[in-house]
Amino acid sequence: MNQLKKITSSNEGKNDENNLMRDGQKMKQRKQKKLVDMEGLVTHNLSNGKFRLKLENGVEVIGHLSGKIRQNRIKIVVGDKVTVELSPYDLTKGRITYRHR
């Protein structure tokens, strides 16, 4: 009896881990679907790593640097073409995720 309990409990643990990984992957996919990627041009340099950007469609937004851009010390100056992630909840603010060459 004890051996049977151990076997079933170890199998349940594996299933739980698989379910957690699947849920984590689902959560990642959901987050990525909600964001809107746009390309824009840096027009002004504001304080604390923030920039005023003009998007392809002519809308002006304020964007801040993502963590990876800060971590890798990528310099962004006025006139650079960048990719911005916009939240569907507030389309006036975004995160700069990539600097085009």
PDB file of N, CA and C in Angstrom:
ATOM      1  N   MET A   1       0.813  -1.200   0.000  1.00  0.00           N
ATOM      2  CA  MET A   1       0.000   0.000   0.000  1.00  0.00           C
ATOM      3  C   MET A   1       0.858   1.267   0.000  1.00  0.00           C
ATOM      4  N   ASN A   2       1.883   1.262   0.821  1.00  0.00           N
ATOM      5  CA  ASN A   2       2.740   2.442   0.893  1.00  0.00           C
ATOM      6  C   ASN A   2       3.423   2.716  -0.438  1.00  0.00           C
ATOM      7  N   GLN A   3       3.807   1.648  -1.132  1.00  0.00           N
ATOM      8  CA  GLN A   3       4.470   1.829  -2.415  1.00  0.00           C
ATOM      9  C   GLN A   3       3.510   2.424  -3.439  1.00  0.00           C
ATOM     10  N   LEU A   4       2.267   1.986  -3.400  1.00  0.00           N
ATOM     11  CA  LEU A   4       1.289   2.531  -4.335  1.00  0.00           C
ATOM     12  C   LEU A   4       1.063   4.016  -4.091  1.00  0.00           C
ATOM     13  N   LYS A   5       0.995   4.400  -2.843  1.00  0.00           N
ATOM     14  CA  LYS A   5       0.796   5.814  -2.526  1.00  0.00           C
ATOM     15  C   LYS A   5       1.973   6.653  -3.022  1.00  0.00           C
ATOM     16  N   LYS A   6       3.173   6.126  -2.842  1.00  0.00           N
ATOM     17  CA  LYS A   6       4.360   6.864  -3.281  1.00  0.00           C
ATOM     18  C   LYS A   6       4.364   7.029  -4.790  1.00  0.00           C
ATOM     19  N   ILE A   7       3.993   6.007  -5.509  1.00  0.00           N
ATOM     20  CA  ILE A   7       3.985   6.070  -6.975  1.00  0.00           C
ATOM     21  C   ILE A   7       2.960   7.080  -7.459  1.00  0.00           C
ATOM     22  N   THR A   8       1.765   7.028  -6.895  1.00  0.00           N
ATOM     23  CA  THR A   8       0.738   7.957  -7.353  1.00  0.00           C
ATOM     24  C   THR A   8       1.094   9.388  -6.977  1.00  0.00           C
ATOM     25  N   SER A   9       1.683   9.569  -5.803  1.00  0.00           N
ATOM     26  CA  SER A   9       2.019  10.935  -5.405  1.00  0.00           C
ATOM     27  C   SER A   9       3.136  11.498  -6.282  1.00  0.00           C
ATOM     28  N   SER A  10       4.108  10.643  -6.688  1.00  0.00           N
ATOM     29  CA  SER A  10       5.173  11.148  -7.546  1.00  0.00           C
ATOM     30  C   SER A  10       4.630  11.480  -8.933  1.00  0.00           C
ATOM     31  N   ASN A  11       3.682  10.699  -9.434  1.00  0.00           N
ATOM     32  CA  ASN A  11       3.079  10.998 -10.736  1.00  0.00           C
ATOM     33  C   ASN A  11       2.261  12.276 -10.675  1.00  0.00           C
ATOM     34  N   GLU A  12       1.564  12.467  -9.572  1.00  0.00           N
ATOM     35  CA  GLU A  12       0.772  13.687  -9.442  1.00  0.00           C
ATOM     36  C   GLU A  12       1.676  14.910  -9.432  1.00  0.00           C
ATOM     37  N   GLY A  13       2.816  14.811  -8.788  1.00  0.00           N
ATOM     38  CA  GLY A  13       3.753  15.929  -8.745  1.00  0.00           C
ATOM     39  C   GLY A  13       4.240  16.298 -10.128  1.00  0.00           C
ATOM     40  N   LYS A  14       4.514  15.286 -10.953  1.00  0.00           N
ATOM     41  CA  LYS A  14       4.972  15.561 -12.317  1.00  0.00           C
ATOM     42  C   LYS A  14       3.872  16.235 -13.118  1.00  0.00           C
ATOM     43  N   ASN A  15       2.647  15.757 -12.950  1.00  0.00           N
ATOM     44  CA  ASN A  15       1.534  16.372 -13.673  1.00  0.00           C
ATOM     45  C   ASN A  15       1.335  17.812 -13.239  1.00  0.00           C
ATOM     46  N   ASP A  16       1.497  18.075 -11.952  1.00  0.00           N
ATOM     47  CA  ASP A  16       1.353  19.438 -11.460  1.00  0.00           C
ATOM     48  C   ASP A  16       2.423  20.348 -12.063  1.00  0.00           C
ATOM     49  N   GLU A  17       3.668  19.832 -12.140  1.00  0.00           N
ATOM     50  CA  GLU A  17       4.739  20.630 -12.732  1.00  0.00           C
ATOM     51  C   GLU A  17       4.451  20.921 -14.196  1.00  0.00           C
ATOM     52  N   ASN A  18       3.975  19.916 -14.927  1.00  0.00           N
ATOM     53  CA  ASN A  18       3.646  20.124 -16.337  1.00  0.00           C
ATOM     54  C   ASN A  18       2.525  21.144 -16.483  1.00  0.00           C
ATOM     55  N   ASN A  19       1.520  21.048 -15.610  1.00  0.00           N
ATOM     56  CA  ASN A  19       0.420  22.006 -15.677  1.00  0.00           C
ATOM     57  C   ASN A  19       0.903  23.416 -15.376  1.00  0.00           C
ATOM     58  N   LEU A  20       1.812  23.543 -14.399  1.00  0.00           N
ATOM     59  CA  LEU A  20       2.336  24.865 -14.082  1.00  0.00           C
ATOM     60  C   LEU A  20       3.109  25.440 -15.258  1.00  0.00           C
ATOM     61  N   MET A  21       3.908  24.602 -15.917  1.00  0.00           N
ATOM     62  CA  MET A  21       4.667  25.084 -17.058  1.00  0.00           C
ATOM     63  C   MET A  21       3.716  25.499 -18.179  1.00  0.00           C
ATOM     64  N   ARG A  22       2.690  24.708 -18.400  1.00  0.00           N
ATOM     65  CA  ARG A  22       1.721  25.066 -19.440  1.00  0.00           C
ATOM     66  C   ARG A  22       1.023  26.365 -19.091  1.00  0.00           C
ATOM     67  N   ASP A  23       0.640  26.513 -17.811  1.00  0.00           N
ATOM     68  CA  ASP A  23      -0.010  27.742 -17.396  1.00  0.00           C
ATOM     69  C   ASP A  23       0.919  28.926 -17.555  1.00  0.00           C
ATOM     70  N   GLY A  24       2.209  28.748 -17.226  1.00  0.00           N
ATOM     71  CA  GLY A  24       3.181  29.825 -17.386  1.00  0.00           C
ATOM     72  C   GLY A  24       3.335  30.224 -18.839  1.00  0.00           C
ATOM     73  N   GLN A  25       3.356  29.222 -19.721  1.00  0.00           N
ATOM     74  CA  GLN A  25       3.468  29.517 -21.147  1.00  0.00           C
ATOM     75  C   GLN A  25       2.221  30.233 -21.632  1.00  0.00           C
ATOM     76  N   LYS A  26       1.069  29.814 -21.146  1.00  0.00           N
ATOM     77  CA  LYS A  26      -0.177  30.476 -21.532  1.00  0.00           C
ATOM     78  C   LYS A  26      -0.180  31.910 -21.061  1.00  0.00           C
ATOM     79  N   MET A  27       0.279  32.144 -19.833  1.00  0.00           N
ATOM     80  CA  MET A  27       0.321  33.495 -19.305  1.00  0.00           C
ATOM     81  C   MET A  27       1.252  34.369 -20.132  1.00  0.00           C
ATOM     82  N   LYS A  28       2.394  33.825 -20.536  1.00  0.00           N
ATOM     83  CA  LYS A  28       3.318  34.592 -21.367  1.00  0.00           C
ATOM     84  C   LYS A  28       2.670  34.964 -22.686  1.00  0.00           C
ATOM     85  N   GLN A  29       1.984  34.007 -23.300  1.00  0.00           N
ATOM     86  CA  GLN A  29       1.344  34.261 -24.581  1.00  0.00           C
ATOM     87  C   GLN A  29       0.251  35.310 -24.429  1.00  0.00           C
ATOM     88  N   ARG A  30      -0.489  35.256 -23.346  1.00  0.00           N
ATOM     89  CA  ARG A  30      -1.546  36.243 -23.124  1.00  0.00           C
ATOM     90  C   ARG A  30      -0.957  37.634 -22.993  1.00  0.00           C
ATOM     91  N   LYS A  31       0.142  37.746 -22.249  1.00  0.00           N
ATOM     92  CA  LYS A  31       0.756  39.060 -22.074  1.00  0.00           C
ATOM     93  C   LYS A  31       1.262  39.597 -23.403  1.00  0.00           C
ATOM     94  N   GLN A  32       1.867  38.739 -24.201  1.00  0.00           N
ATOM     95  CA  GLN A  32       2.409  39.204 -25.465  1.00  0.00           C
ATOM     96  C   GLN A  32       1.292  39.614 -26.418  1.00  0.00           C
ATOM     97  N   LYS A  33       0.154  38.989 -26.357  1.00  0.00           N
ATOM     98  CA  LYS A  33      -0.942  39.331 -27.256  1.00  0.00           C
ATOM     99  C   LYS A  33      -1.520  40.697 -26.935  1.00  0.00           C
ATOM    100  N   LYS A  34      -1.467  41.104 -25.666  1.00  0.00           N
ATOM    101  CA  LYS A  34      -2.090  42.357 -25.271  1.00  0.00           C
ATOM    102  C   LYS A  34      -1.300  43.577 -25.729  1.00  0.00           C
ATOM    103  N   LEU A  35       0.008  43.434 -25.911  1.00  0.00           N
ATOM    104  CA  LEU A  35       0.834  44.579 -26.269  1.00  0.00           C
ATOM    105  C   LEU A  35       0.750  44.864 -27.766  1.00  0.00           C
ATOM    106  N   VAL A  36       0.882  46.131 -28.100  1.00  0.00           N
ATOM    107  CA  VAL A  36       0.848  46.571 -29.493  1.00  0.00           C
ATOM    108  C   VAL A  36       2.241  47.078 -29.855  1.00  0.00           C
ATOM    109  N   ASP A  37       2.882  46.457 -30.830  1.00  0.00           N
ATOM    110  CA  ASP A  37       4.214  46.892 -31.277  1.00  0.00           C
ATOM    111  C   ASP A  37       4.071  47.897 -32.407  1.00  0.00           C
ATOM    112  N   MET A  38       4.771  49.014 -32.270  1.00  0.00           N
ATOM    113  CA  MET A  38       4.751  50.052 -33.304  1.00  0.00           C
ATOM    114  C   MET A  38       6.184  50.545 -33.503  1.00  0.00           C
ATOM    115  N   GLU A  39       6.438  51.116 -34.656  1.00  0.00           N
ATOM    116  CA  GLU A  39       7.731  51.752 -34.908  1.00  0.00           C
ATOM    117  C   GLU A  39       7.553  53.258 -34.841  1.00  0.00           C
ATOM    118  N   GLY A  40       8.575  53.917 -34.322  1.00  0.00           N
ATOM    119  CA  GLY A  40       8.488  55.353 -34.181  1.00  0.00           C
ATOM    120  C   GLY A  40       9.847  56.012 -34.282  1.00  0.00           C
ATOM    121  N   LEU A  41       9.824  57.334 -34.230  1.00  0.00           N
ATOM    122  CA  LEU A  41      11.023  58.146 -34.351  1.00  0.00           C
ATOM    123  C   LEU A  41      11.160  58.985 -33.081  1.00  0.00           C
ATOM    124  N   VAL A  42      12.366  59.036 -32.522  1.00  0.00           N
ATOM    125  CA  VAL A  42      12.605  59.815 -31.306  1.00  0.00           C
ATOM    126  C   VAL A  42      12.676  61.285 -31.687  1.00  0.00           C
ATOM    127  N   THR A  43      11.820  62.119 -31.051  1.00  0.00           N
ATOM    128  CA  THR A  43      11.793  63.547 -31.362  1.00  0.00           C
ATOM    129  C   THR A  43      12.394  64.404 -30.252  1.00  0.00           C
ATOM    130  N   HIS A  44      12.206  63.995 -28.985  1.00  0.00           N
ATOM    131  CA  HIS A  44      12.748  64.750 -27.854  1.00  0.00           C
ATOM    132  C   HIS A  44      13.323  63.795 -26.831  1.00  0.00           C
ATOM    133  N   ASN A  45      14.372  64.254 -26.131  1.00  0.00           N
ATOM    134  CA  ASN A  45      14.965  63.497 -25.039  1.00  0.00           C
ATOM    135  C   ASN A  45      14.487  64.122 -23.731  1.00  0.00           C
ATOM    136  N   LEU A  46      13.729  63.365 -22.937  1.00  0.00           N
ATOM    137  CA  LEU A  46      13.236  63.850 -21.654  1.00  0.00           C
ATOM    138  C   LEU A  46      14.111  63.273 -20.537  1.00  0.00           C
ATOM    139  N   SER A  47      13.798  63.585 -19.300  1.00  0.00           N
ATOM    140  CA  SER A  47      14.631  63.119 -18.187  1.00  0.00           C
ATOM    141  C   SER A  47      14.335  61.666 -17.821  1.00  0.00           C
ATOM    142  N   ASN A  48      15.243  61.044 -17.101  1.00  0.00           N
ATOM    143  CA  ASN A  48      15.111  59.688 -16.558  1.00  0.00           C
ATOM    144  C   ASN A  48      14.859  58.625 -17.620  1.00  0.00           C
ATOM    145  N   GLY A  49      15.531  58.705 -18.726  1.00  0.00           N
ATOM    146  CA  GLY A  49      15.404  57.661 -19.744  1.00  0.00           C
ATOM    147  C   GLY A  49      14.068  57.652 -20.447  1.00  0.00           C
ATOM    148  N   LYS A  50      13.410  58.792 -20.492  1.00  0.00           N
ATOM    149  CA  LYS A  50      12.139  58.894 -21.212  1.00  0.00           C
ATOM    150  C   LYS A  50      12.347  59.707 -22.482  1.00  0.00           C
ATOM    151  N   PHE A  51      11.543  59.406 -23.472  1.00  0.00           N
ATOM    152  CA  PHE A  51      11.656  60.062 -24.775  1.00  0.00           C
ATOM    153  C   PHE A  51      10.277  60.366 -25.318  1.00  0.00           C
ATOM    154  N   ARG A  52      10.189  61.445 -26.084  1.00  0.00           N
ATOM    155  CA  ARG A  52       8.954  61.723 -26.818  1.00  0.00           C
ATOM    156  C   ARG A  52       9.134  61.123 -28.203  1.00  0.00           C
ATOM    157  N   LEU A  53       8.167  60.316 -28.617  1.00  0.00           N
ATOM    158  CA  LEU A  53       8.257  59.577 -29.871  1.00  0.00           C
ATOM    159  C   LEU A  53       7.106  59.937 -30.782  1.00  0.00           C
ATOM    160  N   LYS A  54       7.395  59.948 -32.070  1.00  0.00           N
ATOM    161  CA  LYS A  54       6.343  60.123 -33.072  1.00  0.00           C
ATOM    162  C   LYS A  54       6.201  58.788 -33.802  1.00  0.00           C
ATOM    163  N   LEU A  55       5.041  58.176 -33.689  1.00  0.00           N
ATOM    164  CA  LEU A  55       4.799  56.860 -34.274  1.00  0.00           C
ATOM    165  C   LEU A  55       4.550  56.964 -35.772  1.00  0.00           C
ATOM    166  N   GLU A  56       4.513  55.787 -36.420  1.00  0.00           N
ATOM    167  CA  GLU A  56       4.278  55.738 -37.874  1.00  0.00           C
ATOM    168  C   GLU A  56       2.978  56.422 -38.275  1.00  0.00           C
ATOM    169  N   ASN A  57       1.959  56.287 -37.423  1.00  0.00           N
ATOM    170  CA  ASN A  57       0.643  56.830 -37.764  1.00  0.00           C
ATOM    171  C   ASN A  57       0.492  58.301 -37.365  1.00  0.00           C
ATOM    172  N   GLY A  58       1.572  58.938 -36.888  1.00  0.00           N
ATOM    173  CA  GLY A  58       1.539  60.365 -36.585  1.00  0.00           C
ATOM    174  C   GLY A  58       1.209  60.701 -35.145  1.00  0.00           C
ATOM    175  N   VAL A  59       0.918  59.722 -34.313  1.00  0.00           N
ATOM    176  CA  VAL A  59       0.575  59.965 -32.913  1.00  0.00           C
ATOM    177  C   VAL A  59       1.855  60.137 -32.102  1.00  0.00           C
ATOM    178  N   GLU A  60       1.852  61.101 -31.172  1.00  0.00           N
ATOM    179  CA  GLU A  60       3.002  61.306 -30.304  1.00  0.00           C
ATOM    180  C   GLU A  60       2.759  60.628 -28.969  1.00  0.00           C
ATOM    181  N   VAL A  61       3.750  59.863 -28.500  1.00  0.00           N
ATOM    182  CA  VAL A  61       3.662  59.161 -27.225  1.00  0.00           C
ATOM    183  C   VAL A  61       4.943  59.396 -26.440  1.00  0.00           C
ATOM    184  N   ILE A  62       4.908  59.057 -25.158  1.00  0.00           N
ATOM    185  CA  ILE A  62       6.099  59.105 -24.315  1.00  0.00           C
ATOM    186  C   ILE A  62       6.527  57.669 -24.069  1.00  0.00           C
ATOM    187  N   GLY A  63       7.803  57.383 -24.314  1.00  0.00           N
ATOM    188  CA  GLY A  63       8.315  56.030 -24.136  1.00  0.00           C
ATOM    189  C   GLY A  63       9.484  56.015 -23.171  1.00  0.00           C
ATOM    190  N   HIS A  64       9.543  54.955 -22.368  1.00  0.00           N
ATOM    191  CA  HIS A  64      10.689  54.782 -21.474  1.00  0.00           C
ATOM    192  C   HIS A  64      11.492  53.573 -21.930  1.00  0.00           C
ATOM    193  N   LEU A  65      12.741  53.507 -21.497  1.00  0.00           N
ATOM    194  CA  LEU A  65      13.634  52.436 -21.920  1.00  0.00           C
ATOM    195  C   LEU A  65      13.287  51.136 -21.210  1.00  0.00           C
ATOM    196  N   SER A  66      13.334  50.038 -21.942  1.00  0.00           N
ATOM    197  CA  SER A  66      13.117  48.735 -21.319  1.00  0.00           C
ATOM    198  C   SER A  66      14.359  48.339 -20.533  1.00  0.00           C
ATOM    199  N   GLY A  67      14.211  47.333 -19.703  1.00  0.00           N
ATOM    200  CA  GLY A  67      15.310  46.900 -18.846  1.00  0.00           C
ATOM    201  C   GLY A  67      16.517  46.406 -19.620  1.00  0.00           C
ATOM    202  N   LYS A  68      16.295  45.679 -20.710  1.00  0.00           N
ATOM    203  CA  LYS A  68      17.403  45.134 -21.493  1.00  0.00           C
ATOM    204  C   LYS A  68      18.197  46.259 -22.167  1.00  0.00           C
ATOM    205  N   ILE A  69      17.512  47.312 -22.594  1.00  0.00           N
ATOM    206  CA  ILE A  69      18.219  48.430 -23.225  1.00  0.00           C
ATOM    207  C   ILE A  69      19.067  49.154 -22.180  1.00  0.00           C
ATOM    208  N   ARG A  70      18.533  49.328 -20.979  1.00  0.00           N
ATOM    209  CA  ARG A  70      19.310  49.944 -19.897  1.00  0.00           C
ATOM    210  C   ARG A  70      20.488  49.054 -19.519  1.00  0.00           C
ATOM    211  N   GLN A  71      20.210  47.746 -19.394  1.00  0.00           N
ATOM    212  CA  GLN A  71      21.228  46.800 -18.947  1.00  0.00           C
ATOM    213  C   GLN A  71      22.410  46.744 -19.921  1.00  0.00           C
ATOM    214  N   ASN A  72      22.121  46.776 -21.211  1.00  0.00           N
ATOM    215  CA  ASN A  72      23.170  46.710 -22.218  1.00  0.00           C
ATOM    216  C   ASN A  72      23.712  48.083 -22.601  1.00  0.00           C
ATOM    217  N   ARG A  73      23.248  49.120 -21.937  1.00  0.00           N
ATOM    218  CA  ARG A  73      23.710  50.499 -22.131  1.00  0.00           C
ATOM    219  C   ARG A  73      23.654  50.928 -23.590  1.00  0.00           C
ATOM    220  N   ILE A  74      22.526  50.672 -24.215  1.00  0.00           N
ATOM    221  CA  ILE A  74      22.330  51.093 -25.603  1.00  0.00           C
ATOM    222  C   ILE A  74      21.920  52.559 -25.597  1.00  0.00           C
ATOM    223  N   LYS A  75      22.654  53.371 -26.311  1.00  0.00           N
ATOM    224  CA  LYS A  75      22.383  54.806 -26.346  1.00  0.00           C
ATOM    225  C   LYS A  75      21.314  55.106 -27.388  1.00  0.00           C
ATOM    226  N   ILE A  76      20.345  55.900 -27.001  1.00  0.00           N
ATOM    227  CA  ILE A  76      19.288  56.329 -27.922  1.00  0.00           C
ATOM    228  C   ILE A  76      19.327  57.848 -27.965  1.00  0.00           C
ATOM    229  N   VAL A  77      19.384  58.387 -29.174  1.00  0.00           N
ATOM    230  CA  VAL A  77      19.453  59.834 -29.354  1.00  0.00           C
ATOM    231  C   VAL A  77      18.312  60.284 -30.249  1.00  0.00           C
ATOM    232  N   VAL A  78      18.133  61.590 -30.311  1.00  0.00           N
ATOM    233  CA  VAL A  78      17.079  62.158 -31.157  1.00  0.00           C
ATOM    234  C   VAL A  78      17.340  61.781 -32.610  1.00  0.00           C
ATOM    235  N   GLY A  79      16.305  61.308 -33.294  1.00  0.00           N
ATOM    236  CA  GLY A  79      16.424  60.914 -34.681  1.00  0.00           C
ATOM    237  C   GLY A  79      16.505  59.412 -34.879  1.00  0.00           C
ATOM    238  N   ASP A  80      16.679  58.645 -33.802  1.00  0.00           N
ATOM    239  CA  ASP A  80      16.742  57.190 -33.915  1.00  0.00           C
ATOM    240  C   ASP A  80      15.366  56.607 -34.203  1.00  0.00           C
ATOM    241  N   LYS A  81      15.365  55.527 -34.985  1.00  0.00           N
ATOM    242  CA  LYS A  81      14.140  54.783 -35.247  1.00  0.00           C
ATOM    243  C   LYS A  81      14.074  53.646 -34.235  1.00  0.00           C
ATOM    244  N   VAL A  82      12.965  53.508 -33.507  1.00  0.00           N
ATOM    245  CA  VAL A  82      12.846  52.526 -32.438  1.00  0.00           C
ATOM    246  C   VAL A  82      11.528  51.758 -32.558  1.00  0.00           C
ATOM    247  N   THR A  83      11.488  50.605 -31.881  1.00  0.00           N
ATOM    248  CA  THR A  83      10.252  49.835 -31.756  1.00  0.00           C
ATOM    249  C   THR A  83       9.708  50.060 -30.358  1.00  0.00           C
ATOM    250  N   VAL A  84       8.414  50.325 -30.273  1.00  0.00           N
ATOM    251  CA  VAL A  84       7.766  50.660 -29.008  1.00  0.00           C
ATOM    252  C   VAL A  84       6.631  49.679 -28.746  1.00  0.00           C
ATOM    253  N   GLU A  85       6.532  49.202 -27.516  1.00  0.00           N
ATOM    254  CA  GLU A  85       5.392  48.381 -27.101  1.00  0.00           C
ATOM    255  C   GLU A  85       4.402  49.289 -26.403  1.00  0.00           C
ATOM    256  N   LEU A  86       3.174  49.308 -26.890  1.00  0.00           N
ATOM    257  CA  LEU A  86       2.121  50.114 -26.279  1.00  0.00           C
ATOM    258  C   LEU A  86       1.115  49.196 -25.606  1.00  0.00           C
ATOM    259  N   SER A  87       0.646  49.621 -24.460  1.00  0.00           N
ATOM    260  CA  SER A  87      -0.404  48.884 -23.778  1.00  0.00           C
ATOM    261  C   SER A  87      -1.743  49.298 -24.378  1.00  0.00           C
ATOM    262  N   PRO A  88      -2.663  48.360 -24.568  1.00  0.00           N
ATOM    263  CA  PRO A  88      -3.967  48.751 -25.111  1.00  0.00           C
ATOM    264  C   PRO A  88      -4.781  49.593 -24.140  1.00  0.00           C
ATOM    265  N   TYR A  89      -4.376  49.642 -22.871  1.00  0.00           N
ATOM    266  CA  TYR A  89      -5.119  50.407 -21.878  1.00  0.00           C
ATOM    267  C   TYR A  89      -4.770  51.883 -21.911  1.00  0.00           C
ATOM    268  N   ASP A  90      -3.503  52.204 -22.193  1.00  0.00           N
ATOM    269  CA  ASP A  90      -3.071  53.595 -22.261  1.00  0.00           C
ATOM    270  C   ASP A  90      -2.159  53.751 -23.474  1.00  0.00           C
ATOM    271  N   LEU A  91      -2.690  54.262 -24.544  1.00  0.00           N
ATOM    272  CA  LEU A  91      -1.947  54.360 -25.802  1.00  0.00           C
ATOM    273  C   LEU A  91      -1.065  55.599 -25.873  1.00  0.00           C
ATOM    274  N   THR A  92      -0.932  56.338 -24.772  1.00  0.00           N
ATOM    275  CA  THR A  92      -0.071  57.521 -24.769  1.00  0.00           C
ATOM    276  C   THR A  92       1.297  57.234 -24.169  1.00  0.00           C
ATOM    277  N   LYS A  93       1.473  56.041 -23.582  1.00  0.00           N
ATOM    278  CA  LYS A  93       2.745  55.675 -22.967  1.00  0.00           C
ATOM    279  C   LYS A  93       3.194  54.326 -23.503  1.00  0.00           C
ATOM    280  N   GLY A  94       4.504  54.167 -23.629  1.00  0.00           N
ATOM    281  CA  GLY A  94       5.029  52.910 -24.158  1.00  0.00           C
ATOM    282  C   GLY A  94       6.412  52.595 -23.635  1.00  0.00           C
ATOM    283  N   ARG A  95       6.919  51.429 -24.034  1.00  0.00           N
ATOM    284  CA  ARG A  95       8.238  50.982 -23.638  1.00  0.00           C
ATOM    285  C   ARG A  95       9.074  50.764 -24.882  1.00  0.00           C
ATOM    286  N   ILE A  96      10.246  51.367 -24.939  1.00  0.00           N
ATOM    287  CA  ILE A  96      11.150  51.212 -26.070  1.00  0.00           C
ATOM    288  C   ILE A  96      11.869  49.870 -25.912  1.00  0.00           C
ATOM    289  N   THR A  97      11.681  48.983 -26.880  1.00  0.00           N
ATOM    290  CA  THR A  97      12.241  47.648 -26.767  1.00  0.00           C
ATOM    291  C   THR A  97      13.378  47.382 -27.761  1.00  0.00           C
ATOM    292  N   TYR A  98      13.507  48.188 -28.806  1.00  0.00           N
ATOM    293  CA  TYR A  98      14.525  47.918 -29.815  1.00  0.00           C
ATOM    294  C   TYR A  98      14.925  49.201 -30.522  1.00  0.00           C
ATOM    295  N   ARG A  99      16.217  49.376 -30.765  1.00  0.00           N
ATOM    296  CA  ARG A  99      16.728  50.524 -31.539  1.00  0.00           C
ATOM    297  C   ARG A  99      17.209  50.005 -32.877  1.00  0.00           C
ATOM    298  N   HIS A 100      16.607  50.513 -33.955  1.00  0.00           N
ATOM    299  CA  HIS A 100      16.983  50.082 -35.300  1.00  0.00           C
ATOM    300  C   HIS A 100      18.291  50.738 -35.720  1.00  0.00           C
ATOM    301  N   ARG A 101      19.022  50.040 -36.558  1.00  0.00           N
ATOM    302  CA  ARG A 101      20.330  50.552 -36.992  1.00  0.00           C
ATOM    303  C   ARG A 101      20.212  51.532 -38.121  1.00  0.00           C
TER     304      ARG A 101
END
